PDB file of N, CA and C in Angstrom:
ATOM      1  N   GLY A   1     -33.101  33.689 -12.807  1.00  0.00           N
ATOM      2  CA  GLY A   1     -33.261  32.226 -13.326  1.00  0.00           C
ATOM      3  C   GLY A   1     -33.052  31.672 -11.896  1.00  0.00           C
ATOM      4  N   GLN A   2     -33.095  30.391 -12.889  1.00  0.00           N
ATOM      5  CA  GLN A   2     -32.959  28.679 -12.019  1.00  0.00           C
ATOM      6  C   GLN A   2     -31.738  28.704 -10.628  1.00  0.00           C
ATOM      7  N   LYS A   3     -31.660  28.559 -10.175  1.00  0.00           N
ATOM      8  CA  LYS A   3     -30.733  27.728  -9.118  1.00  0.00           C
ATOM      9  C   LYS A   3     -30.098  26.964  -9.491  1.00  0.00           C
ATOM     10  N   SER A   4     -29.135  26.345  -9.909  1.00  0.00           N
ATOM     11  CA  SER A   4     -28.417  24.963 -10.286  1.00  0.00           C
ATOM     12  C   SER A   4     -28.027  24.504  -8.988  1.00  0.00           C
ATOM     13  N   ASP A   5     -27.344  23.377  -9.057  1.00  0.00           N
ATOM     14  CA  ASP A   5     -26.503  22.333  -7.979  1.00  0.00           C
ATOM     15  C   ASP A   5     -26.094  22.583  -8.083  1.00  0.00           C
ATOM     16  N   PRO A   6     -24.575  23.153  -6.796  1.00  0.00           N
ATOM     17  CA  PRO A   6     -22.998  22.922  -7.394  1.00  0.00           C
ATOM     18  C   PRO A   6     -22.665  21.518  -7.609  1.00  0.00           C
ATOM     19  N   VAL A   7     -21.576  21.271  -8.463  1.00  0.00           N
ATOM     20  CA  VAL A   7     -21.497  19.903  -8.840  1.00  0.00           C
ATOM     21  C   VAL A   7     -20.158  19.832  -7.724  1.00  0.00           C
ATOM     22  N   ASP A   8     -20.825  18.351  -7.264  1.00  0.00           N
ATOM     23  CA  ASP A   8     -19.533  17.889  -6.150  1.00  0.00           C
ATOM     24  C   ASP A   8     -18.542  17.303  -6.440  1.00  0.00           C
ATOM     25  N   VAL A   9     -18.277  17.493  -6.870  1.00  0.00           N
ATOM     26  CA  VAL A   9     -16.298  16.867  -7.042  1.00  0.00           C
ATOM     27  C   VAL A   9     -15.881  16.357  -6.186  1.00  0.00           C
ATOM     28  N   TYR A  10     -15.938  15.897  -5.030  1.00  0.00           N
ATOM     29  CA  TYR A  10     -15.320  15.263  -4.455  1.00  0.00           C
ATOM     30  C   TYR A  10     -15.983  13.855  -4.355  1.00  0.00           C
ATOM     31  N   ARG A  11     -16.398  13.368  -5.501  1.00  0.00           N
ATOM     32  CA  ARG A  11     -16.550  11.890  -5.604  1.00  0.00           C
ATOM     33  C   ARG A  11     -15.814  10.800  -6.657  1.00  0.00           C
ATOM     34  N   THR A  12     -15.416   9.906  -6.444  1.00  0.00           N
ATOM     35  CA  THR A  12     -14.880   8.867  -7.589  1.00  0.00           C
ATOM     36  C   THR A  12     -15.431   8.011  -8.008  1.00  0.00           C
ATOM     37  N   GLY A  13     -15.301   7.226  -8.866  1.00  0.00           N
ATOM     38  CA  GLY A  13     -15.750   6.248  -9.876  1.00  0.00           C
ATOM     39  C   GLY A  13     -15.617   4.988  -8.722  1.00  0.00           C
ATOM     40  N   ALA A  14     -14.673   4.855  -8.504  1.00  0.00           N
ATOM     41  CA  ALA A  14     -14.017   3.504  -7.719  1.00  0.00           C
ATOM     42  C   ALA A  14     -15.313   3.503  -6.282  1.00  0.00           C
ATOM     43  N   LYS A  15     -15.125   1.781  -6.171  1.00  0.00           N
ATOM     44  CA  LYS A  15     -16.265   1.635  -5.710  1.00  0.00           C
ATOM     45  C   LYS A  15     -15.728   0.476  -4.106  1.00  0.00           C
ATOM     46  N   CYS A  16     -16.532   0.751  -3.556  1.00  0.00           N
ATOM     47  CA  CYS A  16     -16.002  -0.047  -2.650  1.00  0.00           C
ATOM     48  C   CYS A  16     -16.049  -1.589  -2.508  1.00  0.00           C
ATOM     49  N   VAL A  17     -15.741  -2.751  -2.036  1.00  0.00           N
ATOM     50  CA  VAL A  17     -14.985  -3.910  -2.342  1.00  0.00           C
ATOM     51  C   VAL A  17     -16.594  -4.369  -1.092  1.00  0.00           C
ATOM     52  N   PRO A  18     -17.318  -4.533  -1.999  1.00  0.00           N
ATOM     53  CA  PRO A  18     -18.397  -5.508  -1.189  1.00  0.00           C
ATOM     54  C   PRO A  18     -18.437  -6.386   0.229  1.00  0.00           C
ATOM     55  N   GLY A  19     -18.873  -6.079   0.662  1.00  0.00           N
ATOM     56  CA  GLY A  19     -18.593  -6.672   2.433  1.00  0.00           C
ATOM     57  C   GLY A  19     -17.266  -6.554   2.794  1.00  0.00           C
ATOM     58  N   GLU A  20     -16.917  -4.990   2.186  1.00  0.00           N
ATOM     59  CA  GLU A  20     -16.094  -4.854   3.246  1.00  0.00           C
ATOM     60  C   GLU A  20     -17.033  -3.250   4.232  1.00  0.00           C
ATOM     61  N   SER A  21     -15.631  -3.186   4.422  1.00  0.00           N
ATOM     62  CA  SER A  21     -16.290  -0.986   5.201  1.00  0.00           C
ATOM     63  C   SER A  21     -16.722  -0.675   3.229  1.00  0.00           C
ATOM     64  N   GLN A  22     -18.030   0.645   3.958  1.00  0.00           N
ATOM     65  CA  GLN A  22     -18.496   1.227   3.264  1.00  0.00           C
ATOM     66  C   GLN A  22     -17.625   3.204   2.755  1.00  0.00           C
ATOM     67  N   ASP A  23     -17.851   3.589   2.224  1.00  0.00           N
ATOM     68  CA  ASP A  23     -17.849   5.103   2.854  1.00  0.00           C
ATOM     69  C   ASP A  23     -19.474   5.556   3.006  1.00  0.00           C
ATOM     70  N   SER A  24     -18.881   6.987   4.158  1.00  0.00           N
ATOM     71  CA  SER A  24     -20.183   7.493   4.952  1.00  0.00           C
ATOM     72  C   SER A  24     -21.025   8.113   3.833  1.00  0.00           C
ATOM     73  N   ARG A  25     -20.910   8.764   2.625  1.00  0.00           N
ATOM     74  CA  ARG A  25     -21.692   9.187   1.474  1.00  0.00           C
ATOM     75  C   ARG A  25     -22.156  10.007   1.950  1.00  0.00           C
ATOM     76  N   SER A  26     -22.113  10.635   2.993  1.00  0.00           N
ATOM     77  CA  SER A  26     -21.491  12.186   3.980  1.00  0.00           C
ATOM     78  C   SER A  26     -21.236  13.720   2.575  1.00  0.00           C
ATOM     79  N   PRO A  27     -22.343  14.467   2.823  1.00  0.00           N
ATOM     80  CA  PRO A  27     -21.827  15.606   1.692  1.00  0.00           C
ATOM     81  C   PRO A  27     -20.425  16.465   1.774  1.00  0.00           C
ATOM     82  N   GLY A  28     -20.674  16.131   0.692  1.00  0.00           N
ATOM     83  CA  GLY A  28     -18.848  17.144  -0.136  1.00  0.00           C
ATOM     84  C   GLY A  28     -17.601  16.291  -0.014  1.00  0.00           C
ATOM     85  N   ILE A  29     -17.392  17.517   1.039  1.00  0.00           N
ATOM     86  CA  ILE A  29     -15.694  16.094   1.297  1.00  0.00           C
ATOM     87  C   ILE A  29     -15.447  14.937   1.562  1.00  0.00           C
ATOM     88  N   ASN A  30     -16.702  15.002   2.952  1.00  0.00           N
ATOM     89  CA  ASN A  30     -16.643  13.603   3.255  1.00  0.00           C
ATOM     90  C   ASN A  30     -17.419  12.211   3.323  1.00  0.00           C
ATOM     91  N   TYR A  31     -18.383  12.512   1.517  1.00  0.00           N
ATOM     92  CA  TYR A  31     -18.127  11.492   0.784  1.00  0.00           C
ATOM     93  C   TYR A  31     -17.630  10.255   1.215  1.00  0.00           C
ATOM     94  N   HIS A  32     -16.403   9.841   0.610  1.00  0.00           N
ATOM     95  CA  HIS A  32     -15.847   8.947   0.692  1.00  0.00           C
ATOM     96  C   HIS A  32     -15.511   8.578   2.407  1.00  0.00           C
ATOM     97  N   SER A  33     -13.902   7.385   2.178  1.00  0.00           N
ATOM     98  CA  SER A  33     -14.037   7.026   3.643  1.00  0.00           C
ATOM     99  C   SER A  33     -12.639   7.022   2.984  1.00  0.00           C
ATOM    100  N   LEU A  34     -11.055   7.565   3.559  1.00  0.00           N
ATOM    101  CA  LEU A  34      -9.896   7.247   2.908  1.00  0.00           C
ATOM    102  C   LEU A  34      -9.821   6.185   3.550  1.00  0.00           C
ATOM    103  N   GLY A  35      -8.788   5.009   2.479  1.00  0.00           N
ATOM    104  CA  GLY A  35      -8.297   4.266   2.868  1.00  0.00           C
ATOM    105  C   GLY A  35      -9.410   2.483   3.663  1.00  0.00           C
ATOM    106  N   LEU A  36      -9.605   3.019   2.576  1.00  0.00           N
ATOM    107  CA  LEU A  36     -10.666   1.644   2.430  1.00  0.00           C
ATOM    108  C   LEU A  36     -10.389   0.865   0.973  1.00  0.00           C
ATOM    109  N   LEU A  37     -10.861  -0.272   0.938  1.00  0.00           N
ATOM    110  CA  LEU A  37     -10.672  -1.411  -0.622  1.00  0.00           C
ATOM    111  C   LEU A  37     -11.307  -1.127  -1.256  1.00  0.00           C
ATOM    112  N   ARG A  38     -11.208  -0.835  -2.412  1.00  0.00           N
ATOM    113  CA  ARG A  38     -11.553  -0.339  -3.770  1.00  0.00           C
ATOM    114  C   ARG A  38     -11.671  -1.224  -4.829  1.00  0.00           C
ATOM    115  N   VAL A  39     -12.662  -1.341  -6.177  1.00  0.00           N
ATOM    116  CA  VAL A  39     -12.649  -2.327  -6.944  1.00  0.00           C
ATOM    117  C   VAL A  39     -11.931  -1.010  -8.343  1.00  0.00           C
ATOM    118  N   LYS A  40     -11.922  -1.629  -9.710  1.00  0.00           N
ATOM    119  CA  LYS A  40     -12.322  -0.502 -10.286  1.00  0.00           C
ATOM    120  C   LYS A  40     -12.622  -1.221 -11.602  1.00  0.00           C
ATOM    121  N   PRO A  41     -13.381  -0.549 -12.233  1.00  0.00           N
ATOM    122  CA  PRO A  41     -14.167   0.605 -12.249  1.00  0.00           C
ATOM    123  C   PRO A  41     -14.714   0.870 -11.319  1.00  0.00           C
ATOM    124  N   GLY A  42     -16.335   1.708 -10.853  1.00  0.00           N
ATOM    125  CA  GLY A  42     -17.299   1.310 -10.012  1.00  0.00           C
ATOM    126  C   GLY A  42     -18.154   2.286 -11.255  1.00  0.00           C
ATOM    127  N   ARG A  43     -17.783   1.999 -12.200  1.00  0.00           N
ATOM    128  CA  ARG A  43     -18.908   1.685 -12.877  1.00  0.00           C
ATOM    129  C   ARG A  43     -18.443   0.149 -14.687  1.00  0.00           C
ATOM    130  N   GLY A  44     -19.774   0.098 -14.504  1.00  0.00           N
ATOM    131  CA  GLY A  44     -19.400  -1.398 -15.586  1.00  0.00           C
ATOM    132  C   GLY A  44     -18.709  -2.695 -15.102  1.00  0.00           C
ATOM    133  N   ASP A  45     -18.286  -3.154 -15.794  1.00  0.00           N
ATOM    134  CA  ASP A  45     -17.387  -4.959 -14.974  1.00  0.00           C
ATOM    135  C   ASP A  45     -16.206  -4.209 -14.516  1.00  0.00           C
ATOM    136  N   GLN A  46     -16.304  -5.374 -12.955  1.00  0.00           N
ATOM    137  CA  GLN A  46     -15.492  -4.332 -12.130  1.00  0.00           C
ATOM    138  C   GLN A  46     -13.719  -5.132 -13.070  1.00  0.00           C
ATOM    139  N   THR A  47     -12.452  -4.592 -13.389  1.00  0.00           N
ATOM    140  CA  THR A  47     -11.268  -5.122 -13.201  1.00  0.00           C
ATOM    141  C   THR A  47     -10.508  -4.779 -12.311  1.00  0.00           C
ATOM    142  N   LEU A  48      -8.701  -6.093 -13.144  1.00  0.00           N
ATOM    143  CA  LEU A  48      -8.098  -6.299 -12.308  1.00  0.00           C
ATOM    144  C   LEU A  48      -7.245  -4.600 -12.011  1.00  0.00           C
ATOM    145  N   SER A  49      -8.272  -3.546 -12.503  1.00  0.00           N
ATOM    146  CA  SER A  49      -7.188  -2.062 -12.273  1.00  0.00           C
ATOM    147  C   SER A  49      -6.325  -2.059 -11.648  1.00  0.00           C
ATOM    148  N   MET A  50      -5.674  -1.104 -11.457  1.00  0.00           N
ATOM    149  CA  MET A  50      -4.925  -0.243 -10.497  1.00  0.00           C
ATOM    150  C   MET A  50      -5.499   1.170  -9.913  1.00  0.00           C
ATOM    151  N   SER A  51      -6.410   1.447  -9.050  1.00  0.00           N
ATOM    152  CA  SER A  51      -6.036   3.091  -8.143  1.00  0.00           C
ATOM    153  C   SER A  51      -5.476   4.058  -8.790  1.00  0.00           C
ATOM    154  N   CYS A  52      -5.580   5.493  -9.383  1.00  0.00           N
ATOM    155  CA  CYS A  52      -5.000   6.061  -9.918  1.00  0.00           C
ATOM    156  C   CYS A  52      -4.023   6.344  -8.303  1.00  0.00           C
ATOM    157  N   SER A  53      -4.477   6.033  -7.998  1.00  0.00           N
ATOM    158  CA  SER A  53      -3.313   6.472  -6.442  1.00  0.00           C
ATOM    159  C   SER A  53      -2.457   5.186  -5.983  1.00  0.00           C
ATOM    160  N   ASP A  54      -3.400   4.254  -6.779  1.00  0.00           N
ATOM    161  CA  ASP A  54      -2.204   3.019  -6.633  1.00  0.00           C
ATOM    162  C   ASP A  54      -0.761   2.820  -7.317  1.00  0.00           C
ATOM    163  N   LYS A  55      -1.443   3.730  -8.491  1.00  0.00           N
ATOM    164  CA  LYS A  55      -0.402   4.113  -9.365  1.00  0.00           C
ATOM    165  C   LYS A  55       0.600   5.407  -8.855  1.00  0.00           C
ATOM    166  N   MET A  56       0.522   6.241  -8.763  1.00  0.00           N
ATOM    167  CA  MET A  56       1.447   7.067  -8.381  1.00  0.00           C
ATOM    168  C   MET A  56       2.288   6.419  -7.132  1.00  0.00           C
ATOM    169  N   ALA A  57       2.392   6.184  -6.588  1.00  0.00           N
ATOM    170  CA  ALA A  57       2.353   5.855  -5.432  1.00  0.00           C
ATOM    171  C   ALA A  57       3.669   3.565  -5.775  1.00  0.00           C
ATOM    172  N   ARG A  58       3.307   3.024  -7.071  1.00  0.00           N
ATOM    173  CA  ARG A  58       4.092   2.405  -6.812  1.00  0.00           C
ATOM    174  C   ARG A  58       5.344   3.279  -8.240  1.00  0.00           C
ATOM    175  N   TRP A  59       4.787   4.096  -8.830  1.00  0.00           N
ATOM    176  CA  TRP A  59       5.947   5.089  -9.915  1.00  0.00           C
ATOM    177  C   TRP A  59       7.035   5.756  -8.352  1.00  0.00           C
ATOM    178  N   ASN A  60       6.050   5.799  -7.899  1.00  0.00           N
ATOM    179  CA  ASN A  60       6.601   6.752  -6.671  1.00  0.00           C
ATOM    180  C   ASN A  60       8.048   5.700  -6.280  1.00  0.00           C
ATOM    181  N   VAL A  61       7.968   4.604  -5.957  1.00  0.00           N
ATOM    182  CA  VAL A  61       9.154   3.132  -5.792  1.00  0.00           C
ATOM    183  C   VAL A  61       9.581   2.688  -6.488  1.00  0.00           C
ATOM    184  N   LEU A  62       9.205   2.247  -8.016  1.00  0.00           N
ATOM    185  CA  LEU A  62       9.401   2.133  -8.792  1.00  0.00           C
ATOM    186  C   LEU A  62      10.895   2.817 -10.078  1.00  0.00           C
ATOM    187  N   GLY A  63       9.847   4.212  -9.911  1.00  0.00           N
ATOM    188  CA  GLY A  63      10.039   5.066 -11.015  1.00  0.00           C
ATOM    189  C   GLY A  63       8.904   4.921 -12.256  1.00  0.00           C
ATOM    190  N   CYS A  64       8.580   5.905 -12.796  1.00  0.00           N
ATOM    191  CA  CYS A  64       7.670   6.107 -13.927  1.00  0.00           C
ATOM    192  C   CYS A  64       8.339   5.636 -15.649  1.00  0.00           C
ATOM    193  N   GLN A  65       9.271   5.599 -15.496  1.00  0.00           N
ATOM    194  CA  GLN A  65       9.196   4.909 -16.863  1.00  0.00           C
ATOM    195  C   GLN A  65       8.624   3.809 -17.332  1.00  0.00           C
ATOM    196  N   GLY A  66       8.277   2.118 -18.472  1.00  0.00           N
ATOM    197  CA  GLY A  66       7.702   1.460 -18.032  1.00  0.00           C
ATOM    198  C   GLY A  66       8.801   0.277 -18.512  1.00  0.00           C
ATOM    199  N   ALA A  67       8.975  -0.959 -18.924  1.00  0.00           N
ATOM    200  CA  ALA A  67       9.775  -2.034 -19.123  1.00  0.00           C
ATOM    201  C   ALA A  67      10.875  -1.463 -19.835  1.00  0.00           C
ATOM    202  N   LEU A  68      10.466  -0.911 -20.633  1.00  0.00           N
ATOM    203  CA  LEU A  68      10.925  -1.461 -22.351  1.00  0.00           C
ATOM    204  C   LEU A  68      11.818  -0.032 -21.910  1.00  0.00           C
ATOM    205  N   LEU A  69      11.138   0.518 -21.756  1.00  0.00           N
ATOM    206  CA  LEU A  69      12.714   2.060 -21.587  1.00  0.00           C
ATOM    207  C   LEU A  69      13.375   1.559 -20.395  1.00  0.00           C
ATOM    208  N   MET A  70      14.063   1.019 -19.199  1.00  0.00           N
ATOM    209  CA  MET A  70      14.217   0.612 -18.619  1.00  0.00           C
ATOM    210  C   MET A  70      15.737   0.625 -19.313  1.00  0.00           C
ATOM    211  N   HIS A  71      15.369  -0.617 -19.718  1.00  0.00           N
ATOM    212  CA  HIS A  71      16.481  -1.312 -20.671  1.00  0.00           C
ATOM    213  C   HIS A  71      16.883  -0.032 -21.602  1.00  0.00           C
ATOM    214  N   PHE A  72      16.958   0.973 -21.754  1.00  0.00           N
ATOM    215  CA  PHE A  72      18.340   1.667 -21.550  1.00  0.00           C
ATOM    216  C   PHE A  72      17.899   2.593 -21.269  1.00  0.00           C
ATOM    217  N   LEU A  73      17.766   3.258 -19.798  1.00  0.00           N
ATOM    218  CA  LEU A  73      18.064   3.532 -18.644  1.00  0.00           C
ATOM    219  C   LEU A  73      18.962   3.426 -17.693  1.00  0.00           C
ATOM    220  N   TYR A  74      20.033   3.607 -17.677  1.00  0.00           N
ATOM    221  CA  TYR A  74      20.990   3.487 -16.218  1.00  0.00           C
ATOM    222  C   TYR A  74      20.185   3.318 -14.377  1.00  0.00           C
ATOM    223  N   SER A  75      18.985   4.277 -14.593  1.00  0.00           N
ATOM    224  CA  SER A  75      18.296   4.291 -13.449  1.00  0.00           C
ATOM    225  C   SER A  75      17.081   4.702 -13.544  1.00  0.00           C
ATOM    226  N   PRO A  76      16.408   3.792 -12.846  1.00  0.00           N
ATOM    227  CA  PRO A  76      14.489   4.295 -13.013  1.00  0.00           C
ATOM    228  C   PRO A  76      14.344   5.799 -13.202  1.00  0.00           C
ATOM    229  N   LEU A  77      13.580   6.610 -13.819  1.00  0.00           N
ATOM    230  CA  LEU A  77      13.122   8.048 -13.914  1.00  0.00           C
ATOM    231  C   LEU A  77      12.414   8.152 -12.471  1.00  0.00           C
ATOM    232  N   TYR A  78      12.083   9.357 -12.172  1.00  0.00           N
ATOM    233  CA  TYR A  78      11.155   9.499 -10.733  1.00  0.00           C
ATOM    234  C   TYR A  78      10.591  11.051 -10.950  1.00  0.00           C
ATOM    235  N   PHE A  79       9.304  11.283 -10.076  1.00  0.00           N
ATOM    236  CA  PHE A  79       8.820  13.395 -10.470  1.00  0.00           C
ATOM    237  C   PHE A  79       9.237  13.725  -9.260  1.00  0.00           C
ATOM    238  N   SER A  80       9.935  14.962  -9.619  1.00  0.00           N
ATOM    239  CA  SER A  80      10.046  15.878  -8.640  1.00  0.00           C
ATOM    240  C   SER A  80       9.478  16.194  -7.772  1.00  0.00           C
ATOM    241  N   ALA A  81       8.238  17.063  -8.555  1.00  0.00           N
ATOM    242  CA  ALA A  81       7.013  17.577  -8.581  1.00  0.00           C
ATOM    243  C   ALA A  81       5.203  17.245  -8.460  1.00  0.00           C
ATOM    244  N   VAL A  82       4.937  17.619  -7.925  1.00  0.00           N
ATOM    245  CA  VAL A  82       3.416  17.093  -8.729  1.00  0.00           C
ATOM    246  C   VAL A  82       2.592  18.260  -9.205  1.00  0.00           C
ATOM    247  N   VAL A  83       2.006  18.650  -9.666  1.00  0.00           N
ATOM    248  CA  VAL A  83       1.589  19.988  -9.922  1.00  0.00           C
ATOM    249  C   VAL A  83      -0.101  19.704  -9.621  1.00  0.00           C
ATOM    250  N   VAL A  84      -1.034  20.371  -8.869  1.00  0.00           N
ATOM    251  CA  VAL A  84      -2.393  20.020  -9.279  1.00  0.00           C
ATOM    252  C   VAL A  84      -2.895  21.415  -9.594  1.00  0.00           C
ATOM    253  N   GLY A  85      -3.779  21.850 -10.436  1.00  0.00           N
ATOM    254  CA  GLY A  85      -4.062  22.448 -10.965  1.00  0.00           C
ATOM    255  C   GLY A  85      -5.318  23.254  -9.878  1.00  0.00           C
ATOM    256  N   LYS A  86      -5.992  24.249 -10.521  1.00  0.00           N
ATOM    257  CA  LYS A  86      -7.322  25.141  -9.281  1.00  0.00           C
ATOM    258  C   LYS A  86      -8.091  24.196  -9.271  1.00  0.00           C
ATOM    259  N   CYS A  87      -7.899  23.307  -8.286  1.00  0.00           N
ATOM    260  CA  CYS A  87      -9.495  21.941  -7.914  1.00  0.00           C
ATOM    261  C   CYS A  87      -9.715  22.019  -6.717  1.00  0.00           C
ATOM    262  N   PRO A  88     -10.803  21.718  -6.342  1.00  0.00           N
ATOM    263  CA  PRO A  88     -10.644  21.332  -4.884  1.00  0.00           C
ATOM    264  C   PRO A  88      -9.958  19.882  -4.636  1.00  0.00           C
ATOM    265  N   TYR A  89      -8.907  19.225  -3.490  1.00  0.00           N
ATOM    266  CA  TYR A  89      -8.764  18.286  -3.193  1.00  0.00           C
ATOM    267  C   TYR A  89      -7.958  18.409  -1.746  1.00  0.00           C
ATOM    268  N   SER A  90      -7.599  17.083  -1.309  1.00  0.00           N
ATOM    269  CA  SER A  90      -7.461  17.010   0.255  1.00  0.00           C
ATOM    270  C   SER A  90      -6.394  17.250  -0.198  1.00  0.00           C
ATOM    271  N   GLN A  91      -5.362  17.663   0.823  1.00  0.00           N
ATOM    272  CA  GLN A  91      -4.331  17.632   1.335  1.00  0.00           C
ATOM    273  C   GLN A  91      -3.587  16.803   1.692  1.00  0.00           C
ATOM    274  N   GLU A  92      -4.742  15.810   2.911  1.00  0.00           N
ATOM    275  CA  GLU A  92      -4.506  14.509   3.711  1.00  0.00           C
ATOM    276  C   GLU A  92      -4.169  13.117   2.464  1.00  0.00           C
ATOM    277  N   SER A  93      -5.409  13.088   1.418  1.00  0.00           N
ATOM    278  CA  SER A  93      -5.726  12.141   1.106  1.00  0.00           C
ATOM    279  C   SER A  93      -3.917  12.424  -0.221  1.00  0.00           C
ATOM    280  N   MET A  94      -3.879  13.637  -0.882  1.00  0.00           N
ATOM    281  CA  MET A  94      -2.867  13.457  -1.530  1.00  0.00           C
ATOM    282  C   MET A  94      -1.163  13.043  -0.744  1.00  0.00           C
ATOM    283  N   LYS A  95      -1.105  14.260   0.296  1.00  0.00           N
ATOM    284  CA  LYS A  95      -0.055  13.057   0.502  1.00  0.00           C
ATOM    285  C   LYS A  95       0.286  12.075   1.030  1.00  0.00           C
ATOM    286  N   ARG A  96      -1.003  10.823   1.949  1.00  0.00           N
ATOM    287  CA  ARG A  96      -1.509   9.871   1.969  1.00  0.00           C
ATOM    288  C   ARG A  96      -0.816   8.980   0.612  1.00  0.00           C
ATOM    289  N   ALA A  97      -1.294   9.122  -0.461  1.00  0.00           N
ATOM    290  CA  ALA A  97      -1.014   8.924  -1.935  1.00  0.00           C
ATOM    291  C   ALA A  97      -0.024   8.819  -2.383  1.00  0.00           C
ATOM    292  N   LEU A  98       0.873   9.855  -2.534  1.00  0.00           N
ATOM    293  CA  LEU A  98       2.186  10.420  -2.375  1.00  0.00           C
ATOM    294  C   LEU A  98       3.048   9.578  -1.822  1.00  0.00           C
ATOM    295  N   ILE A  99       3.373   9.509  -0.325  1.00  0.00           N
ATOM    296  CA  ILE A  99       4.524   9.760   0.747  1.00  0.00           C
ATOM    297  C   ILE A  99       3.637   8.777   1.958  1.00  0.00           C
ATOM    298  N   THR A 100       2.872   8.292   2.329  1.00  0.00           N
ATOM    299  CA  THR A 100       3.049   7.666   3.462  1.00  0.00           C
ATOM    300  C   THR A 100       2.498   6.073   2.968  1.00  0.00           C
ATOM    301  N   ARG A 101       2.306   5.830   1.711  1.00  0.00           N
ATOM    302  CA  ARG A 101       1.388   4.610   2.344  1.00  0.00           C
ATOM    303  C   ARG A 101       2.835   3.178   2.464  1.00  0.00           C
TER     304      ARG A 101
END
């Protein structure tokens, strides 16, 4: 049988802002560089959407409820845990996204 190429799960669709520092594009986990300014989505028209890690950092500070639900709550809702399935991920990137920003 034919040997298939492994799927590169380390790539995201978020592209670096033109004119700023760019990803190294090295193989595997080193394809992207941490801390670079990115636009979303990586494909199609660019928008002012927040990246996934931006949203998680925001929820970590402001709570995960929306403005409408906040009218009925005494205090914001915060996540007490984040569960990551059996997929490769960077613990350093996760810590940066959730805690050290």
